[in-house]
Amino acid sequence: MFKKLLVSSIILAASSTVAFAAGGSYKGEKDYKGEMMPCPTYTYTAGPYIGLSVGLRTNYSGSPTVFKGLDGNLSLGYGAMVTPSFYLAGEIFGIATGNIKDLQYTSGTTNYSAKSNWSYGASILPGYMITDYVLGYLRAGVIATRFNQQSVTKTGGQLGLGGQTSLTPNWDLRGEYVFTQYRTVGSIGRVASDQVNLGLVYKFV
């Protein structure tokens, strides 16, 4: 759990660093003369968006089996500010997964694997504006994943933590950590998954 929180903290810190490098400032920050700096154009107005990200996936079970893969994630969503500081979005997504390492469990002459090759799902993303340029958010949703060696598709629940920062009025940089818990998957028992994603979001504003 400490490792997962550390990864999430690094993602949020990296997002903040990018925003500051681009000239961002904390809300209400004053310039060197003590005068209030002008507020930037608000970029999280209501509207649809599309996202594309890549990430590392680790599926593991108590068998033990461990699968490491590379995810390509396409997402479609709609987000809006519900107050000056709080953000809410709904999102659907599809994931294609490539193989990096498949550590299988062998029993007798049978090999068991936690390998997956595609997923799809839906999430809600409540968020908070940390600065004028940086959005921190939670991800909560459901995902259906195809475990191809087991020839089954299983549904799991997801919880995640992410950060998103404005690069331009239309483009954002996004990073996140997502944990998924599945029910029993074929012969390998209960499977969990860790995902770390980095990508871009284009907002139709």
C-alpha atoms as a PDB file:
ATOM      1  CA  MET A   1       0.000   0.000   0.000  1.00  0.00           C
ATOM      2  CA  PHE A   2       2.872   2.401   0.796  1.00  0.00           C
ATOM      3  CA  LYS A   3       4.353   1.745  -2.645  1.00  0.00           C
ATOM      4  CA  LYS A   4       1.018   2.555  -4.314  1.00  0.00           C
ATOM      5  CA  LEU A   5       0.648   5.817  -2.375  1.00  0.00           C
ATOM      6  CA  LEU A   6       4.236   6.730  -3.267  1.00  0.00           C
ATOM      7  CA  VAL A   7       3.562   6.186  -6.979  1.00  0.00           C
ATOM      8  CA  SER A   8       0.430   8.351  -6.775  1.00  0.00           C
ATOM      9  CA  SER A   9       2.326  11.117  -4.990  1.00  0.00           C
ATOM     10  CA  ILE A  10       5.066  11.084  -7.639  1.00  0.00           C
ATOM     11  CA  ILE A  11       2.457  11.425 -10.401  1.00  0.00           C
ATOM     12  CA  LEU A  12       0.844  14.441  -8.726  1.00  0.00           C
ATOM     13  CA  ALA A  13       4.229  16.027  -8.048  1.00  0.00           C
ATOM     14  CA  ALA A  14       5.293  15.532 -11.674  1.00  0.00           C
ATOM     15  CA  SER A  15       2.090  17.154 -12.917  1.00  0.00           C
ATOM     16  CA  SER A  16       2.647  20.150 -10.665  1.00  0.00           C
ATOM     17  CA  THR A  17       6.266  20.504 -11.833  1.00  0.00           C
ATOM     18  CA  VAL A  18       5.201  20.595 -15.483  1.00  0.00           C
ATOM     19  CA  ALA A  19       2.632  23.274 -14.716  1.00  0.00           C
ATOM     20  CA  PHE A  20       5.151  25.481 -12.921  1.00  0.00           C
ATOM     21  CA  ALA A  21       7.680  25.032 -15.742  1.00  0.00           C
ATOM     22  CA  ALA A  22       5.007  26.276 -18.144  1.00  0.00           C
ATOM     23  CA  GLY A  23       4.578  29.418 -16.064  1.00  0.00           C
ATOM     24  CA  GLY A  24       1.765  28.360 -13.739  1.00  0.00           C
ATOM     25  CA  SER A  25       1.199  29.818 -10.311  1.00  0.00           C
ATOM     26  CA  TYR A  26      -0.785  29.048  -7.199  1.00  0.00           C
ATOM     27  CA  LYS A  27      -4.203  30.638  -6.928  1.00  0.00           C
ATOM     28  CA  GLY A  28      -3.875  34.205  -5.715  1.00  0.00           C
ATOM     29  CA  GLU A  29      -0.060  34.286  -5.876  1.00  0.00           C
ATOM     30  CA  LYS A  30       1.410  37.817  -5.944  1.00  0.00           C
ATOM     31  CA  ASP A  31       4.180  39.098  -8.192  1.00  0.00           C
ATOM     32  CA  TYR A  32       7.439  40.643  -6.945  1.00  0.00           C
ATOM     33  CA  LYS A  33       5.771  44.067  -6.551  1.00  0.00           C
ATOM     34  CA  GLY A  34       3.154  42.635  -4.238  1.00  0.00           C
ATOM     35  CA  GLU A  35       0.410  43.013  -6.809  1.00  0.00           C
ATOM     36  CA  MET A  36      -2.072  40.261  -7.610  1.00  0.00           C
ATOM     37  CA  MET A  37      -1.142  38.389 -10.773  1.00  0.00           C
ATOM     38  CA  PRO A  38      -3.879  38.178 -13.439  1.00  0.00           C
ATOM     39  CA  CYS A  39      -5.901  34.988 -13.398  1.00  0.00           C
ATOM     40  CA  PRO A  40      -5.342  32.669 -16.370  1.00  0.00           C
ATOM     41  CA  THR A  41      -8.110  31.729 -18.758  1.00  0.00           C
ATOM     42  CA  TYR A  42     -10.217  29.009 -17.142  1.00  0.00           C
ATOM     43  CA  THR A  43      -9.559  25.869 -19.186  1.00  0.00           C
ATOM     44  CA  TYR A  44     -11.805  23.330 -17.408  1.00  0.00           C
ATOM     45  CA  THR A  45     -15.094  24.537 -18.856  1.00  0.00           C
ATOM     46  CA  ALA A  46     -17.878  22.042 -19.532  1.00  0.00           C
ATOM     47  CA  GLY A  47     -17.396  19.912 -22.613  1.00  0.00           C
ATOM     48  CA  PRO A  48     -16.355  16.588 -24.127  1.00  0.00           C
ATOM     49  CA  TYR A  49     -12.775  15.343 -24.344  1.00  0.00           C
ATOM     50  CA  ILE A  50     -10.720  12.504 -25.808  1.00  0.00           C
ATOM     51  CA  GLY A  51      -7.658  10.961 -24.189  1.00  0.00           C
ATOM     52  CA  LEU A  52      -4.833   8.720 -25.335  1.00  0.00           C
ATOM     53  CA  SER A  53      -2.344   7.192 -22.912  1.00  0.00           C
ATOM     54  CA  VAL A  54       0.184   4.403 -22.518  1.00  0.00           C
ATOM     55  CA  GLY A  55       0.941   2.586 -19.310  1.00  0.00           C
ATOM     56  CA  LEU A  56       2.411  -0.365 -17.480  1.00  0.00           C
ATOM     57  CA  ARG A  57       0.065  -3.064 -16.205  1.00  0.00           C
ATOM     58  CA  THR A  58       0.785  -5.778 -13.622  1.00  0.00           C
ATOM     59  CA  ASN A  59      -1.786  -8.566 -13.111  1.00  0.00           C
ATOM     60  CA  TYR A  60      -1.150 -10.889 -10.174  1.00  0.00           C
ATOM     61  CA  SER A  61      -2.895 -13.628  -8.252  1.00  0.00           C
ATOM     62  CA  GLY A  62      -2.191 -15.908  -5.303  1.00  0.00           C
ATOM     63  CA  SER A  63      -1.384 -18.928  -7.525  1.00  0.00           C
ATOM     64  CA  PRO A  64       1.158 -17.265  -7.913  1.00  0.00           C
ATOM     65  CA  THR A  65       1.008 -15.839 -11.442  1.00  0.00           C
ATOM     66  CA  VAL A  66       2.303 -12.436 -12.551  1.00  0.00           C
ATOM     67  CA  PHE A  67       1.755 -10.773 -15.912  1.00  0.00           C
ATOM     68  CA  LYS A  68       3.371  -7.489 -16.962  1.00  0.00           C
ATOM     69  CA  GLY A  69       1.997  -5.732 -20.026  1.00  0.00           C
ATOM     70  CA  LEU A  70       2.013  -2.458 -21.936  1.00  0.00           C
ATOM     71  CA  ASP A  71      -1.411  -0.771 -22.184  1.00  0.00           C
ATOM     72  CA  GLY A  72      -2.664   1.527 -24.907  1.00  0.00           C
ATOM     73  CA  ASN A  73      -5.719   3.382 -23.588  1.00  0.00           C
ATOM     74  CA  LEU A  74      -8.296   5.379 -25.599  1.00  0.00           C
ATOM     75  CA  SER A  75     -10.872   7.294 -23.534  1.00  0.00           C
ATOM     76  CA  LEU A  76     -13.900   9.477 -24.244  1.00  0.00           C
ATOM     77  CA  GLY A  77     -15.414  11.671 -21.576  1.00  0.00           C
ATOM     78  CA  TYR A  78     -17.373  14.740 -20.571  1.00  0.00           C
ATOM     79  CA  GLY A  79     -16.252  16.978 -17.736  1.00  0.00           C
ATOM     80  CA  ALA A  80     -17.321  20.211 -16.065  1.00  0.00           C
ATOM     81  CA  MET A  81     -16.568  22.404 -13.055  1.00  0.00           C
ATOM     82  CA  VAL A  82     -19.432  22.000 -10.561  1.00  0.00           C
ATOM     83  CA  THR A  83     -18.015  24.781  -8.345  1.00  0.00           C
ATOM     84  CA  PRO A  84     -15.036  27.136  -8.892  1.00  0.00           C
ATOM     85  CA  SER A  85     -12.751  24.463  -7.372  1.00  0.00           C
ATOM     86  CA  PHE A  86     -14.497  21.081  -7.821  1.00  0.00           C
ATOM     87  CA  TYR A  87     -14.546  19.135 -11.087  1.00  0.00           C
ATOM     88  CA  LEU A  88     -16.592  16.106 -12.175  1.00  0.00           C
ATOM     89  CA  ALA A  89     -16.296  13.951 -15.298  1.00  0.00           C
ATOM     90  CA  GLY A  90     -17.730  10.727 -16.684  1.00  0.00           C
ATOM     91  CA  GLU A  91     -15.565   8.572 -18.947  1.00  0.00           C
ATOM     92  CA  ILE A  92     -15.652   5.412 -21.052  1.00  0.00           C
ATOM     93  CA  PHE A  93     -12.461   3.715 -22.209  1.00  0.00           C
ATOM     94  CA  GLY A  94     -10.959   0.831 -24.141  1.00  0.00           C
ATOM     95  CA  ILE A  95      -7.547  -0.768 -23.562  1.00  0.00           C
ATOM     96  CA  ALA A  96      -5.341  -2.992 -25.709  1.00  0.00           C
ATOM     97  CA  THR A  97      -2.536  -4.793 -23.850  1.00  0.00           C
ATOM     98  CA  GLY A  98       0.757  -6.123 -25.208  1.00  0.00           C
ATOM     99  CA  ASN A  99       2.937  -8.718 -23.490  1.00  0.00           C
ATOM    100  CA  ILE A 100       6.122  -7.726 -21.620  1.00  0.00           C
ATOM    101  CA  LYS A 101       6.601 -10.628 -19.197  1.00  0.00           C
ATOM    102  CA  ASP A 102       4.375 -13.583 -18.340  1.00  0.00           C
ATOM    103  CA  LEU A 103       5.407 -15.463 -15.180  1.00  0.00           C
ATOM    104  CA  GLN A 104       3.180 -18.529 -15.192  1.00  0.00           C
ATOM    105  CA  TYR A 105       2.277 -21.010 -12.484  1.00  0.00           C
ATOM    106  CA  THR A 106       2.811 -24.666 -13.363  1.00  0.00           C
ATOM    107  CA  SER A 107       0.823 -27.496 -11.805  1.00  0.00           C
ATOM    108  CA  GLY A 108       1.675 -30.916 -13.206  1.00  0.00           C
ATOM    109  CA  THR A 109       1.731 -30.462 -16.958  1.00  0.00           C
ATOM    110  CA  THR A 110      -0.566 -27.408 -16.988  1.00  0.00           C
ATOM    111  CA  ASN A 111       0.593 -23.789 -17.075  1.00  0.00           C
ATOM    112  CA  TYR A 112      -1.599 -21.020 -15.627  1.00  0.00           C
ATOM    113  CA  SER A 113      -1.290 -17.368 -16.643  1.00  0.00           C
ATOM    114  CA  ALA A 114      -2.794 -14.002 -15.609  1.00  0.00           C
ATOM    115  CA  LYS A 115      -2.206 -12.560 -19.087  1.00  0.00           C
ATOM    116  CA  SER A 116      -4.860 -10.154 -20.440  1.00  0.00           C
ATOM    117  CA  ASN A 117      -5.119  -8.675 -23.929  1.00  0.00           C
ATOM    118  CA  TRP A 118      -8.003  -6.157 -23.871  1.00  0.00           C
ATOM    119  CA  SER A 119     -10.325  -4.305 -21.504  1.00  0.00           C
ATOM    120  CA  TYR A 120     -13.131  -1.769 -21.557  1.00  0.00           C
ATOM    121  CA  GLY A 121     -15.048   0.094 -18.887  1.00  0.00           C
ATOM    122  CA  ALA A 122     -16.482   3.293 -17.444  1.00  0.00           C
ATOM    123  CA  SER A 123     -15.447   5.635 -14.628  1.00  0.00           C
ATOM    124  CA  ILE A 124     -16.420   8.771 -12.779  1.00  0.00           C
ATOM    125  CA  LEU A 125     -13.670  11.285 -12.001  1.00  0.00           C
ATOM    126  CA  PRO A 126     -14.315  13.752  -9.175  1.00  0.00           C
ATOM    127  CA  GLY A 127     -11.502  16.296  -8.939  1.00  0.00           C
ATOM    128  CA  TYR A 128     -10.182  19.410  -7.221  1.00  0.00           C
ATOM    129  CA  MET A 129      -8.190  22.317  -8.691  1.00  0.00           C
ATOM    130  CA  ILE A 130      -4.910  22.249  -6.746  1.00  0.00           C
ATOM    131  CA  THR A 131      -3.618  25.317  -8.620  1.00  0.00           C
ATOM    132  CA  ASP A 132      -4.924  27.341 -11.563  1.00  0.00           C
ATOM    133  CA  TYR A 133      -3.302  24.813 -13.885  1.00  0.00           C
ATOM    134  CA  VAL A 134      -3.253  21.520 -11.981  1.00  0.00           C
ATOM    135  CA  LEU A 135      -6.237  19.230 -11.372  1.00  0.00           C
ATOM    136  CA  GLY A 136      -6.036  16.361  -8.891  1.00  0.00           C
ATOM    137  CA  TYR A 137      -8.693  13.669  -9.259  1.00  0.00           C
ATOM    138  CA  LEU A 138      -9.940  10.288  -8.085  1.00  0.00           C
ATOM    139  CA  ARG A 139     -11.069   7.533 -10.444  1.00  0.00           C
ATOM    140  CA  ALA A 140     -13.828   5.088  -9.493  1.00  0.00           C
ATOM    141  CA  GLY A 141     -15.385   2.659 -11.950  1.00  0.00           C
ATOM    142  CA  VAL A 142     -15.809  -0.798 -13.400  1.00  0.00           C
ATOM    143  CA  ILE A 143     -13.742  -2.632 -16.008  1.00  0.00           C
ATOM    144  CA  ALA A 144     -14.220  -5.825 -18.033  1.00  0.00           C
ATOM    145  CA  THR A 145     -10.957  -7.595 -18.933  1.00  0.00           C
ATOM    146  CA  ARG A 146     -10.280 -10.537 -21.216  1.00  0.00           C
ATOM    147  CA  PHE A 147      -7.880 -13.085 -19.669  1.00  0.00           C
ATOM    148  CA  ASN A 148      -6.992 -14.948 -22.846  1.00  0.00           C
ATOM    149  CA  GLN A 149      -5.094 -17.912 -21.378  1.00  0.00           C
ATOM    150  CA  GLN A 150      -8.087 -18.596 -19.119  1.00  0.00           C
ATOM    151  CA  SER A 151     -10.574 -17.877 -21.962  1.00  0.00           C
ATOM    152  CA  VAL A 152     -12.749 -15.747 -19.671  1.00  0.00           C
ATOM    153  CA  THR A 153     -13.812 -12.112 -19.450  1.00  0.00           C
ATOM    154  CA  LYS A 154     -14.079 -10.831 -15.886  1.00  0.00           C
ATOM    155  CA  THR A 155     -15.440  -7.624 -14.382  1.00  0.00           C
ATOM    156  CA  GLY A 156     -13.536  -5.742 -11.698  1.00  0.00           C
ATOM    157  CA  GLY A 157     -13.858  -2.607  -9.590  1.00  0.00           C
ATOM    158  CA  GLN A 158     -11.358   0.224  -9.989  1.00  0.00           C
ATOM    159  CA  LEU A 159     -10.004   2.952  -7.711  1.00  0.00           C
ATOM    160  CA  GLY A 160      -7.327   5.387  -8.784  1.00  0.00           C
ATOM    161  CA  LEU A 161      -5.559   8.676  -8.123  1.00  0.00           C
ATOM    162  CA  GLY A 162      -4.338  11.034 -10.829  1.00  0.00           C
ATOM    163  CA  GLY A 163      -3.189  14.486 -11.801  1.00  0.00           C
ATOM    164  CA  GLN A 164      -3.904  16.547 -14.912  1.00  0.00           C
ATOM    165  CA  THR A 165      -2.246  19.808 -15.941  1.00  0.00           C
ATOM    166  CA  SER A 166      -3.023  22.296 -18.712  1.00  0.00           C
ATOM    167  CA  LEU A 167      -0.424  22.648 -21.455  1.00  0.00           C
ATOM    168  CA  THR A 168      -2.629  24.825 -23.696  1.00  0.00           C
ATOM    169  CA  PRO A 169      -6.339  25.764 -23.542  1.00  0.00           C
ATOM    170  CA  ASN A 170      -7.147  22.485 -25.355  1.00  0.00           C
ATOM    171  CA  TRP A 171      -4.345  20.078 -24.382  1.00  0.00           C
ATOM    172  CA  ASP A 172      -3.704  18.524 -20.951  1.00  0.00           C
ATOM    173  CA  LEU A 173      -1.036  16.160 -19.663  1.00  0.00           C
ATOM    174  CA  ARG A 174      -2.427  13.374 -17.474  1.00  0.00           C
ATOM    175  CA  GLY A 175      -0.774  10.828 -15.173  1.00  0.00           C
ATOM    176  CA  GLU A 176      -2.470   8.317 -12.885  1.00  0.00           C
ATOM    177  CA  TYR A 177      -2.264   5.150 -10.814  1.00  0.00           C
ATOM    178  CA  VAL A 178      -5.222   2.717 -10.896  1.00  0.00           C
ATOM    179  CA  PHE A 179      -5.848  -0.386  -8.769  1.00  0.00           C
ATOM    180  CA  THR A 180      -8.300  -3.053  -9.963  1.00  0.00           C
ATOM    181  CA  GLN A 181      -9.718  -6.020  -8.046  1.00  0.00           C
ATOM    182  CA  TYR A 182     -11.321  -8.873 -10.011  1.00  0.00           C
ATOM    183  CA  ARG A 183     -13.292 -11.831  -8.753  1.00  0.00           C
ATOM    184  CA  THR A 184     -12.122 -15.421  -9.329  1.00  0.00           C
ATOM    185  CA  VAL A 185     -10.529 -15.784 -12.765  1.00  0.00           C
ATOM    186  CA  GLY A 186     -10.652 -19.360 -14.048  1.00  0.00           C
ATOM    187  CA  SER A 187      -8.059 -21.611 -12.397  1.00  0.00           C
ATOM    188  CA  ILE A 188      -5.821 -18.861 -10.993  1.00  0.00           C
ATOM    189  CA  GLY A 189      -8.172 -17.511  -8.322  1.00  0.00           C
ATOM    190  CA  ARG A 190      -8.695 -13.849  -7.441  1.00  0.00           C
ATOM    191  CA  VAL A 191      -6.683 -11.442  -9.583  1.00  0.00           C
ATOM    192  CA  ALA A 192      -5.656  -7.854  -8.869  1.00  0.00           C
ATOM    193  CA  SER A 193      -4.030  -5.340 -11.183  1.00  0.00           C
ATOM    194  CA  ASP A 194      -1.837  -2.238 -10.858  1.00  0.00           C
ATOM    195  CA  GLN A 195      -1.751   0.278 -13.730  1.00  0.00           C
ATOM    196  CA  VAL A 196       0.398   3.395 -14.117  1.00  0.00           C
ATOM    197  CA  ASN A 197      -0.604   5.564 -17.099  1.00  0.00           C
ATOM    198  CA  LEU A 198       0.736   8.706 -18.764  1.00  0.00           C
ATOM    199  CA  GLY A 199      -0.956  10.445 -21.677  1.00  0.00           C
ATOM    200  CA  LEU A 200      -2.592  13.459 -23.305  1.00  0.00           C
ATOM    201  CA  VAL A 201      -6.166  14.753 -23.166  1.00  0.00           C
ATOM    202  CA  TYR A 202      -7.715  16.935 -25.877  1.00  0.00           C
ATOM    203  CA  LYS A 203     -10.655  19.067 -24.708  1.00  0.00           C
ATOM    204  CA  PHE A 204     -13.262  20.231 -27.235  1.00  0.00           C
ATOM    205  CA  VAL A 205     -13.703  23.738 -25.761  1.00  0.00           C
END
